[in-house]
């Protein structure tokens, strides 16, 4: 299931470096962007090979092991082939998650950040998710984190 949200950034697109910003985001800054954010860590040093995100949403704890697929100043694409989830923080399951962030120009002085996630849950989780409105909670989390990321980018001048 694909979810997407956009948030305004009052900065020109030329001043924003998503690649540098994302891989230098501290755990405290990451946690301030959304209530469900628990932890973040990067690997690969200055090569930005990937990252680990820990989130709690829709009644599940999720641990995503992202690998970098594409990394540019205005576009980042990550993929977690074997994310680990714990339904009700107890029952383990494996899922795949794609995550894209893109910044584009709205005007000479304004940009917008678009975050898209593609969540590929196993069938039994999709079925269970019908009863606890998982898709609603995932989309709500994405809205909150996209707005939080845009706020953090704005506060840092895009870097």
N, C-alpha and C. Protein backbone atom coordinates (compact mmCIF):
# COMPACT_ATOMS: atom_id res chain seq x y z
N UNK A 1 0.85 -1.17 0.00
CA UNK A 1 0.00 0.00 0.00
C UNK A 1 0.90 1.24 0.00
N UNK A 2 0.60 2.17 -0.89
CA UNK A 2 1.41 3.39 -1.03
C UNK A 2 0.71 4.56 -0.35
N UNK A 3 1.48 5.31 0.42
CA UNK A 3 1.00 6.50 1.12
C UNK A 3 1.92 7.66 0.78
N UNK A 4 1.35 8.86 0.68
CA UNK A 4 2.16 10.02 0.32
C UNK A 4 1.60 11.28 0.98
N UNK A 5 2.49 12.23 1.25
CA UNK A 5 2.07 13.51 1.82
C UNK A 5 3.10 14.57 1.42
N UNK A 6 2.62 15.80 1.25
CA UNK A 6 3.49 16.94 0.92
C UNK A 6 3.39 18.00 2.01
N UNK A 7 4.50 18.69 2.22
CA UNK A 7 4.53 19.79 3.20
C UNK A 7 5.36 20.94 2.61
N UNK A 8 4.94 22.18 2.85
CA UNK A 8 5.68 23.33 2.33
C UNK A 8 6.97 23.59 3.10
N UNK A 9 7.96 24.12 2.39
CA UNK A 9 9.22 24.55 2.99
C UNK A 9 9.50 25.95 2.46
N UNK A 10 9.58 26.96 3.33
CA UNK A 10 9.79 28.33 2.86
C UNK A 10 11.25 28.63 2.52
N UNK A 11 11.82 27.78 1.67
CA UNK A 11 13.20 27.92 1.22
C UNK A 11 13.27 27.58 -0.26
N UNK A 12 14.18 28.20 -1.00
CA UNK A 12 14.35 27.79 -2.40
C UNK A 12 14.90 26.38 -2.48
N UNK A 13 14.49 25.63 -3.48
CA UNK A 13 14.92 24.25 -3.63
C UNK A 13 16.45 24.14 -3.71
N UNK A 14 17.10 25.14 -4.26
CA UNK A 14 18.56 25.11 -4.41
C UNK A 14 19.30 25.14 -3.07
N UNK A 15 18.63 25.55 -2.00
CA UNK A 15 19.29 25.61 -0.68
C UNK A 15 19.07 24.33 0.14
N UNK A 16 18.33 23.37 -0.39
CA UNK A 16 17.99 22.16 0.36
C UNK A 16 18.83 20.99 -0.12
N UNK A 17 19.43 20.28 0.83
CA UNK A 17 20.22 19.08 0.56
C UNK A 17 19.63 17.92 1.35
N UNK A 18 18.64 17.23 0.77
CA UNK A 18 18.02 16.10 1.46
C UNK A 18 19.04 15.04 1.83
N UNK A 19 19.98 14.77 0.92
CA UNK A 19 20.97 13.73 1.17
C UNK A 19 21.78 14.00 2.44
N UNK A 20 22.29 15.21 2.58
CA UNK A 20 23.08 15.56 3.75
C UNK A 20 22.21 15.66 5.00
N UNK A 21 21.05 16.28 4.86
CA UNK A 21 20.17 16.47 6.01
C UNK A 21 19.75 15.14 6.62
N UNK A 22 19.27 14.21 5.80
CA UNK A 22 18.74 12.95 6.32
C UNK A 22 19.80 12.14 7.05
N UNK A 23 20.99 12.06 6.46
CA UNK A 23 22.02 11.21 7.06
C UNK A 23 22.80 11.89 8.18
N UNK A 24 22.46 13.14 8.48
CA UNK A 24 23.05 13.82 9.63
C UNK A 24 21.99 14.16 10.68
N UNK A 25 20.80 13.62 10.51
CA UNK A 25 19.70 13.84 11.44
C UNK A 25 20.02 13.11 12.75
N UNK A 26 20.05 13.84 13.85
CA UNK A 26 20.33 13.20 15.13
C UNK A 26 19.09 12.44 15.62
N UNK A 27 19.31 11.56 16.55
CA UNK A 27 18.20 10.80 17.12
C UNK A 27 17.18 11.74 17.78
N UNK A 28 17.66 12.73 18.48
CA UNK A 28 16.77 13.69 19.13
C UNK A 28 15.94 14.46 18.09
N UNK A 29 16.58 14.87 17.00
CA UNK A 29 15.86 15.58 15.93
C UNK A 29 14.84 14.67 15.25
N UNK A 30 15.23 13.42 15.01
CA UNK A 30 14.33 12.45 14.40
C UNK A 30 13.11 12.23 15.29
N UNK A 31 13.34 12.06 16.55
CA UNK A 31 12.24 11.82 17.49
C UNK A 31 11.31 13.03 17.60
N UNK A 32 11.83 14.23 17.39
CA UNK A 32 11.01 15.44 17.45
C UNK A 32 10.09 15.59 16.24
N UNK A 33 10.36 14.85 15.17
CA UNK A 33 9.56 14.98 13.94
C UNK A 33 8.24 14.22 13.98
N UNK A 34 8.12 13.21 14.84
CA UNK A 34 6.86 12.46 14.96
C UNK A 34 6.84 11.71 16.28
N UNK A 35 5.65 11.63 16.87
CA UNK A 35 5.50 10.96 18.17
C UNK A 35 5.91 9.49 18.12
N UNK A 36 5.73 8.82 16.98
CA UNK A 36 6.05 7.40 16.88
C UNK A 36 7.51 7.09 16.65
N UNK A 37 8.33 8.10 16.43
CA UNK A 37 9.76 7.86 16.19
C UNK A 37 10.45 7.51 17.50
N UNK A 38 11.17 6.37 17.48
CA UNK A 38 11.86 5.89 18.68
C UNK A 38 13.38 5.99 18.58
N UNK A 39 13.94 5.70 17.39
CA UNK A 39 15.40 5.71 17.24
C UNK A 39 15.77 5.75 15.77
N UNK A 40 16.98 6.24 15.49
CA UNK A 40 17.52 6.27 14.13
C UNK A 40 19.03 6.07 14.21
N UNK A 41 19.56 5.42 13.21
CA UNK A 41 21.00 5.26 13.12
C UNK A 41 21.39 5.10 11.66
N UNK A 42 22.54 5.62 11.29
CA UNK A 42 23.01 5.52 9.92
C UNK A 42 24.21 4.60 9.85
N UNK A 43 24.45 4.05 8.66
CA UNK A 43 25.65 3.24 8.47
C UNK A 43 26.28 3.60 7.14
N UNK A 44 27.53 3.25 7.00
CA UNK A 44 28.24 3.54 5.77
C UNK A 44 29.06 4.81 5.82
N UNK A 45 29.10 5.47 6.98
CA UNK A 45 29.90 6.68 7.10
C UNK A 45 29.47 7.74 6.11
N UNK A 46 30.44 8.34 5.43
CA UNK A 46 30.14 9.40 4.46
C UNK A 46 29.56 8.86 3.15
N UNK A 47 29.49 7.53 3.02
CA UNK A 47 28.90 6.94 1.81
C UNK A 47 27.39 6.82 1.93
N UNK A 48 26.87 6.99 3.12
CA UNK A 48 25.42 6.94 3.36
C UNK A 48 24.79 5.68 2.77
N UNK A 49 25.31 4.52 3.16
CA UNK A 49 24.82 3.25 2.62
C UNK A 49 23.42 2.89 3.09
N UNK A 50 23.04 3.36 4.25
CA UNK A 50 21.72 3.01 4.76
C UNK A 50 21.48 3.53 6.15
N UNK A 51 20.34 3.13 6.70
CA UNK A 51 19.98 3.57 8.04
C UNK A 51 19.01 2.58 8.67
N UNK A 52 18.90 2.66 9.97
CA UNK A 52 17.93 1.89 10.72
C UNK A 52 17.00 2.87 11.41
N UNK A 53 15.70 2.65 11.24
CA UNK A 53 14.69 3.47 11.91
C UNK A 53 13.85 2.57 12.80
N UNK A 54 13.53 3.04 13.97
CA UNK A 54 12.63 2.32 14.87
C UNK A 54 11.44 3.24 15.11
N UNK A 55 10.24 2.70 14.81
CA UNK A 55 9.02 3.48 14.93
C UNK A 55 7.94 2.65 15.60
N UNK A 56 7.02 3.34 16.23
CA UNK A 56 5.85 2.70 16.83
C UNK A 56 4.62 3.36 16.24
N UNK A 57 3.80 2.56 15.54
CA UNK A 57 2.57 3.11 14.96
C UNK A 57 1.59 1.98 14.70
N UNK A 58 0.33 2.33 14.67
CA UNK A 58 -0.75 1.39 14.35
C UNK A 58 -0.69 0.13 15.21
N UNK A 59 -0.27 0.28 16.45
CA UNK A 59 -0.21 -0.86 17.35
C UNK A 59 0.95 -1.80 17.10
N UNK A 60 1.95 -1.34 16.36
CA UNK A 60 3.10 -2.19 16.06
C UNK A 60 4.40 -1.43 16.28
N UNK A 61 5.42 -2.17 16.65
CA UNK A 61 6.78 -1.65 16.71
C UNK A 61 7.46 -2.08 15.42
N UNK A 62 8.06 -1.14 14.70
CA UNK A 62 8.69 -1.44 13.42
C UNK A 62 10.17 -1.08 13.45
N UNK A 63 10.98 -2.00 12.95
CA UNK A 63 12.42 -1.78 12.85
C UNK A 63 12.78 -1.94 11.38
N UNK A 64 13.14 -0.83 10.73
CA UNK A 64 13.41 -0.82 9.30
C UNK A 64 14.91 -0.70 9.06
N UNK A 65 15.43 -1.62 8.27
CA UNK A 65 16.84 -1.63 7.90
C UNK A 65 16.94 -1.16 6.45
N UNK A 66 17.01 0.14 6.27
CA UNK A 66 17.00 0.72 4.92
C UNK A 66 18.37 0.66 4.27
N UNK A 67 18.36 0.34 2.97
CA UNK A 67 19.54 0.46 2.13
C UNK A 67 19.27 1.62 1.17
N UNK A 68 20.29 2.40 0.91
CA UNK A 68 20.16 3.53 0.01
C UNK A 68 20.12 3.03 -1.43
N UNK A 69 19.08 3.43 -2.16
CA UNK A 69 18.94 3.07 -3.57
C UNK A 69 19.30 4.23 -4.49
N UNK A 70 18.96 5.45 -4.07
CA UNK A 70 19.29 6.65 -4.84
C UNK A 70 19.45 7.80 -3.87
N UNK A 71 20.48 8.61 -4.09
CA UNK A 71 20.80 9.68 -3.15
C UNK A 71 21.24 10.91 -3.92
N UNK A 72 20.40 11.94 -3.89
CA UNK A 72 20.70 13.20 -4.56
C UNK A 72 20.29 14.34 -3.63
N UNK A 73 20.67 15.54 -3.98
CA UNK A 73 20.35 16.71 -3.16
C UNK A 73 18.84 16.89 -3.01
N UNK A 74 18.08 16.58 -4.05
CA UNK A 74 16.64 16.80 -4.01
C UNK A 74 15.81 15.52 -3.97
N UNK A 75 16.48 14.35 -3.89
CA UNK A 75 15.74 13.08 -3.93
C UNK A 75 16.51 11.99 -3.19
N UNK A 76 15.79 11.27 -2.34
CA UNK A 76 16.37 10.14 -1.62
C UNK A 76 15.41 8.97 -1.74
N UNK A 77 15.96 7.81 -2.11
CA UNK A 77 15.15 6.59 -2.20
C UNK A 77 15.83 5.51 -1.37
N UNK A 78 15.08 4.96 -0.42
CA UNK A 78 15.58 3.92 0.46
C UNK A 78 14.65 2.71 0.39
N UNK A 79 15.19 1.53 0.66
CA UNK A 79 14.35 0.32 0.66
C UNK A 79 14.80 -0.61 1.77
N UNK A 80 13.82 -1.09 2.52
CA UNK A 80 14.07 -2.07 3.58
C UNK A 80 13.44 -3.38 3.15
N UNK A 81 14.28 -4.33 2.77
CA UNK A 81 13.79 -5.61 2.26
C UNK A 81 13.24 -6.51 3.36
N UNK A 82 13.80 -6.38 4.55
CA UNK A 82 13.37 -7.25 5.64
C UNK A 82 13.17 -6.45 6.93
N UNK A 83 12.21 -5.56 6.89
CA UNK A 83 11.86 -4.84 8.12
C UNK A 83 11.23 -5.84 9.09
N UNK A 84 11.42 -5.55 10.34
CA UNK A 84 10.86 -6.42 11.37
C UNK A 84 9.78 -5.64 12.09
N UNK A 85 8.62 -6.27 12.23
CA UNK A 85 7.52 -5.65 12.95
C UNK A 85 7.08 -6.54 14.09
N UNK A 86 6.48 -5.92 15.09
CA UNK A 86 5.94 -6.65 16.23
C UNK A 86 4.54 -6.13 16.49
N UNK A 87 3.54 -6.91 16.06
CA UNK A 87 2.15 -6.53 16.26
C UNK A 87 1.86 -6.53 17.75
N UNK A 88 1.23 -5.49 18.22
CA UNK A 88 0.98 -5.27 19.65
C UNK A 88 2.29 -5.32 20.44
N UNK A 89 3.40 -5.04 19.75
CA UNK A 89 4.74 -5.07 20.32
C UNK A 89 5.13 -6.46 20.81
N UNK A 90 4.42 -7.51 20.31
CA UNK A 90 4.68 -8.89 20.75
C UNK A 90 4.85 -9.89 19.61
N UNK A 91 3.93 -9.89 18.65
CA UNK A 91 3.91 -10.90 17.60
C UNK A 91 4.78 -10.48 16.42
N UNK A 92 5.87 -11.22 16.15
CA UNK A 92 6.80 -10.80 15.10
C UNK A 92 6.26 -11.07 13.69
N UNK A 93 6.61 -10.19 12.77
CA UNK A 93 6.33 -10.39 11.35
C UNK A 93 7.39 -9.64 10.55
N UNK A 94 7.52 -10.02 9.29
CA UNK A 94 8.49 -9.39 8.39
C UNK A 94 7.71 -8.67 7.29
N UNK A 95 8.18 -7.48 6.93
CA UNK A 95 7.56 -6.70 5.88
C UNK A 95 8.64 -6.00 5.08
N UNK A 96 8.24 -5.43 3.95
CA UNK A 96 9.14 -4.63 3.14
C UNK A 96 8.60 -3.20 3.12
N UNK A 97 9.53 -2.23 3.14
CA UNK A 97 9.13 -0.83 3.13
C UNK A 97 10.02 -0.05 2.16
N UNK A 98 9.39 0.65 1.24
CA UNK A 98 10.09 1.60 0.37
C UNK A 98 9.80 3.00 0.87
N UNK A 99 10.80 3.86 0.84
CA UNK A 99 10.65 5.23 1.36
C UNK A 99 11.33 6.18 0.39
N UNK A 100 10.58 7.16 -0.09
CA UNK A 100 11.13 8.18 -0.98
C UNK A 100 10.84 9.56 -0.41
N UNK A 101 11.82 10.43 -0.54
CA UNK A 101 11.66 11.83 -0.16
C UNK A 101 12.13 12.66 -1.35
N UNK A 102 11.31 13.66 -1.69
CA UNK A 102 11.68 14.52 -2.81
C UNK A 102 11.30 15.95 -2.48
N UNK A 103 12.19 16.86 -2.82
CA UNK A 103 11.90 18.28 -2.66
C UNK A 103 11.83 18.88 -4.06
N UNK A 104 10.79 19.70 -4.28
CA UNK A 104 10.62 20.34 -5.58
C UNK A 104 10.25 21.80 -5.38
N UNK A 105 10.48 22.58 -6.42
CA UNK A 105 10.26 24.01 -6.36
C UNK A 105 8.78 24.36 -6.54
N UNK A 106 8.32 25.29 -5.71
CA UNK A 106 6.98 25.85 -5.85
C UNK A 106 7.09 27.25 -6.44
N UNK A 107 8.12 27.97 -5.99
CA UNK A 107 8.43 29.30 -6.51
C UNK A 107 9.92 29.54 -6.27
N UNK A 108 10.38 30.74 -6.57
CA UNK A 108 11.79 31.06 -6.38
C UNK A 108 12.21 30.98 -4.91
N UNK A 109 11.26 31.17 -4.01
CA UNK A 109 11.58 31.20 -2.58
C UNK A 109 10.88 30.11 -1.76
N UNK A 110 10.16 29.22 -2.42
CA UNK A 110 9.42 28.19 -1.69
C UNK A 110 9.53 26.84 -2.38
N UNK A 111 9.58 25.80 -1.56
CA UNK A 111 9.66 24.43 -2.04
C UNK A 111 8.61 23.59 -1.35
N UNK A 112 8.51 22.34 -1.76
CA UNK A 112 7.66 21.40 -1.05
C UNK A 112 8.39 20.08 -0.90
N UNK A 113 8.17 19.45 0.23
CA UNK A 113 8.74 18.14 0.52
C UNK A 113 7.63 17.11 0.33
N UNK A 114 7.93 16.09 -0.44
CA UNK A 114 6.98 14.99 -0.63
C UNK A 114 7.61 13.72 -0.08
N UNK A 115 6.93 13.09 0.85
CA UNK A 115 7.37 11.81 1.39
C UNK A 115 6.38 10.74 0.95
N UNK A 116 6.91 9.64 0.46
CA UNK A 116 6.09 8.52 0.01
C UNK A 116 6.64 7.25 0.63
N UNK A 117 5.75 6.44 1.17
CA UNK A 117 6.16 5.13 1.67
C UNK A 117 5.31 4.07 1.00
N UNK A 118 5.93 2.95 0.72
CA UNK A 118 5.25 1.80 0.13
C UNK A 118 5.43 0.65 1.12
N UNK A 119 4.35 0.30 1.79
CA UNK A 119 4.38 -0.73 2.84
C UNK A 119 3.84 -2.03 2.27
N UNK A 120 4.67 -3.06 2.31
CA UNK A 120 4.29 -4.37 1.79
C UNK A 120 4.22 -5.36 2.95
N UNK A 121 3.04 -5.43 3.56
CA UNK A 121 2.80 -6.32 4.70
C UNK A 121 2.42 -7.72 4.23
N UNK A 122 2.70 -8.73 5.07
CA UNK A 122 2.23 -10.08 4.73
C UNK A 122 0.70 -10.12 4.81
N UNK A 123 0.07 -11.07 4.13
CA UNK A 123 -1.39 -11.12 4.09
C UNK A 123 -2.07 -11.12 5.46
N UNK A 124 -1.54 -11.86 6.42
CA UNK A 124 -2.21 -11.91 7.73
C UNK A 124 -2.17 -10.57 8.45
N UNK A 125 -1.15 -9.77 8.21
CA UNK A 125 -1.08 -8.43 8.80
C UNK A 125 -2.07 -7.50 8.10
N UNK A 126 -2.17 -7.63 6.78
CA UNK A 126 -3.17 -6.82 6.05
C UNK A 126 -4.57 -7.14 6.57
N UNK A 127 -4.85 -8.42 6.82
CA UNK A 127 -6.16 -8.81 7.34
C UNK A 127 -6.38 -8.25 8.74
N UNK A 128 -5.39 -8.42 9.62
CA UNK A 128 -5.50 -7.89 10.98
C UNK A 128 -5.60 -6.38 10.97
N UNK A 129 -4.92 -5.75 10.01
CA UNK A 129 -4.94 -4.29 9.90
C UNK A 129 -6.30 -3.72 9.58
N UNK A 130 -7.15 -4.53 8.96
CA UNK A 130 -8.51 -4.09 8.68
C UNK A 130 -9.24 -3.77 9.97
N UNK A 131 -8.97 -4.51 11.04
CA UNK A 131 -9.69 -4.35 12.30
C UNK A 131 -9.16 -3.24 13.18
N UNK A 132 -7.90 -2.84 12.98
CA UNK A 132 -7.37 -1.75 13.80
C UNK A 132 -7.05 -0.50 12.97
N UNK A 133 -7.58 -0.44 11.76
CA UNK A 133 -7.42 0.73 10.89
C UNK A 133 -5.95 1.07 10.63
N UNK A 134 -5.15 0.05 10.36
CA UNK A 134 -3.72 0.23 10.15
C UNK A 134 -3.41 1.28 9.09
N UNK A 135 -4.10 1.23 7.95
CA UNK A 135 -3.83 2.18 6.88
C UNK A 135 -4.06 3.62 7.33
N UNK A 136 -5.11 3.83 8.11
CA UNK A 136 -5.37 5.17 8.65
C UNK A 136 -4.21 5.63 9.51
N UNK A 137 -3.71 4.78 10.41
CA UNK A 137 -2.64 5.15 11.34
C UNK A 137 -1.31 5.35 10.61
N UNK A 138 -1.05 4.54 9.60
CA UNK A 138 0.18 4.72 8.82
C UNK A 138 0.15 6.07 8.12
N UNK A 139 -0.99 6.39 7.48
CA UNK A 139 -1.09 7.67 6.77
C UNK A 139 -1.00 8.83 7.74
N UNK A 140 -1.64 8.71 8.88
CA UNK A 140 -1.57 9.77 9.89
C UNK A 140 -0.13 9.99 10.36
N UNK A 141 0.60 8.90 10.56
CA UNK A 141 2.01 9.00 10.96
C UNK A 141 2.83 9.68 9.86
N UNK A 142 2.58 9.30 8.61
CA UNK A 142 3.32 9.90 7.50
C UNK A 142 3.07 11.41 7.41
N UNK A 143 1.84 11.83 7.60
CA UNK A 143 1.53 13.26 7.60
C UNK A 143 2.31 13.97 8.70
N UNK A 144 2.30 13.41 9.91
CA UNK A 144 3.01 14.03 11.03
C UNK A 144 4.51 14.09 10.77
N UNK A 145 5.11 12.99 10.27
CA UNK A 145 6.56 12.99 10.09
C UNK A 145 6.97 13.89 8.91
N UNK A 146 6.19 13.92 7.84
CA UNK A 146 6.51 14.80 6.72
C UNK A 146 6.50 16.25 7.16
N UNK A 147 5.48 16.64 7.91
CA UNK A 147 5.42 18.00 8.44
C UNK A 147 6.58 18.27 9.39
N UNK A 148 6.94 17.28 10.20
CA UNK A 148 8.08 17.43 11.11
C UNK A 148 9.40 17.54 10.37
N UNK A 149 9.57 16.73 9.32
CA UNK A 149 10.78 16.82 8.51
C UNK A 149 10.90 18.19 7.84
N UNK A 150 9.78 18.68 7.30
CA UNK A 150 9.79 20.01 6.65
C UNK A 150 10.14 21.09 7.66
N UNK A 151 9.62 20.97 8.87
CA UNK A 151 9.93 21.95 9.93
C UNK A 151 11.41 21.89 10.28
N UNK A 152 11.97 20.69 10.39
CA UNK A 152 13.39 20.55 10.73
C UNK A 152 14.27 21.09 9.60
N UNK A 153 13.93 20.79 8.36
CA UNK A 153 14.68 21.34 7.22
C UNK A 153 14.65 22.86 7.22
N UNK A 154 13.47 23.41 7.51
CA UNK A 154 13.32 24.88 7.54
C UNK A 154 14.20 25.49 8.63
N UNK A 155 14.17 24.89 9.82
CA UNK A 155 14.96 25.42 10.94
C UNK A 155 16.47 25.37 10.66
N UNK A 156 16.89 24.38 9.87
CA UNK A 156 18.32 24.23 9.57
C UNK A 156 18.72 24.90 8.26
N UNK A 157 17.80 25.60 7.65
CA UNK A 157 18.13 26.26 6.38
C UNK A 157 18.31 25.29 5.24
N UNK A 158 17.73 24.09 5.34
CA UNK A 158 17.76 23.11 4.26
C UNK A 158 18.89 22.12 4.31
N UNK A 159 19.72 22.16 5.36
CA UNK A 159 20.87 21.23 5.42
C UNK A 159 20.97 20.56 6.76
